[in-house]
Amino acid sequence: MGSIRKQTIISSFLVYLGFLIGALNIYIYTKTGTFTPEQFGLTSIFFSFGQIIYIFSSFGVIPVLYKFYPYYKDNLEEHQIDLLTWAMLVSLIGFLLAVLAGWYFEPLIVRKFSEKSKLIVDYYHLMFPFALGMLMFSVLEGFSWALGKSVITSFLKETVLRIFTTIFILLYYFKLISFNHFVYLFSSLYLLIFIILVIYLKKIKKLHLTLKVSRVTRKFKKKMIKMQSYLLGGNIINSVSSTIDGILIAGFQNLGAVGVFSLSQYAANLVTIPQRSIQNVSLSFLSRAWKDKNFSEISRIYSRSCINLLLLALFIFGNVWLNVQQGIHLLNLQKEYETGLLVILVIGFSRIIDAGTGVNGFVIGTSTFWRFDFTSGVILLIFRLPLTWYLTKKYGIMGAATAELISLSVYNAIRFEFIRRKFNMQPFTLKTLYSCMLAFGSYGICFYLLNQMQGWTGIFLRLILFSGLMISGVLFFELTPDATAIFDTFRNKFKRQG
């Protein structure tokens, strides 16, 4: 677990750095006198649209990259590995088909959104270069994960992408460019970090493209195509399920409501930073462990991810919820965004549940039972789409948040039960319960003692007290061996320095 822990710490640090930059971006987006909620909502729609297009276009090749790469690595010289070449070509063909579909359905988009969300219609064409950049970067990111280079991809996607966004926002904020020019620049974000990743992989001599079909490709071709067909369906289902909220809100309400929902999601999504880092780092280890049939290592990664991610999620969200209302006032955000406070709470609980079930999706996805990813995705889509449609139409952004909480709870319960029955792996112990009790107890103490304290002083004191209680409790009750190991490492370093 040491290698995973080390890479996760580095990756999490870089991702948090990105989130700090992202927080600055969100602040400028939402503060009084800058972007309107409709303009901010448009940027969220770009991400939703781009994700759907890239999932359709990729034809499921990205999981194939990190699933089969160990077989290529063990049997071929690096310059003979043709896996990335075919993944790129397949994705580009898929994108051309997506462009044709986008052109065909454009009249429907105009009819659906021209009245309540006109900005979507105005900038519809720019969503395609945004999606192309997301697609190309995601394919190269999947290959980088297989190489064990998840730190650089996390840095580019979570930090560098936001730095470029900050530059574009400031250009608009200081009236150096118009909003129209801002959107044009915004649409190039993923293309920029894709180019940087290409340069990096080329520099470290890990980027090899060859059209010569290798013996490994010939041997596993049928298996890879079969896997792609299942994963494509599963990925489409997951993508539609995760992006449908903003699109439905734009249709039923307006882009302003999408902007409010996006800010609420951003606040709740702080919880997911360690989750994304651990998942990215764990991929190559899980793929190798399944290939070597090292079930004890798989079980250990799964169990540790559950307790570690649960504790981190409770720690982060506790701090967020204690201070978010005061933060909105102190930062002078536009009044409309206060309507999303309960949305933050509901989405936050869904993120805690998702984090607390660890890397269950990757445990299944890297195993021989990866088809279940598709099956569980179908169940999720059948359940989530009508639920989200009904609740969003009836209750607006609060309905969308509630649908997400219910759907993710059911989805993770299904995947947990599958892993328990199929692999006899059950990651939860009494320490899971103690972790929840520690978080709720720490929150209760902070709320009772400091909730009436206003201003930045109140925020800092609540942060310090809640964080101190959580960290002390984790170490005292030894809730996770990774926290103890990190603490011992720092303590030994200080002793040697002393």
Foldseek 3Di string as FASTA:
>chain_A
DVVLLVQLVLLLVLLVLLLVLVVVVLLQCFFPPHNALLLLLVLLVLVLLLLLQLLQLQLQLLLVLLLCVVVCVVPHDLQPDASLQVSVVSSVVSLVVVVVVCVVCLVVVCVQQCPFRVVCNVCVVLSSLLSVLVNLLSSLCSNCLSVLNNSLSSNLVRHVLSVQLVVLRVCVRVPVDDSVVSSNSNSCSSVVSSVVSVVVCVVVVNDHHDPDQDPSCVVCVVVSSVLSNLSSLLSSLVSCLVSVLSVLLCRLHRSSLSSLLVVLCSLLCVLCSSQVSSLSNCLNVLSVCQVVVVLVVLLVSQLQQQLVSLLSLLLSVLLSLLCVVLVCVVSNGDPVNVVCNVLSVLLNLLSSLLSNSGNLLSNCCSHPNVSVSSVLSVVLNVQQPVQLNVQCNVPNSSSNSNSSSVSSNVSSVVSQVCCCVPVVRHNDDVLSVVSVVQSVVQSVVLCVPQSPPHDPVSSVVSSVSSNVSSLVSCCVVVSDVSSVVVVVVVVVVVVVVD
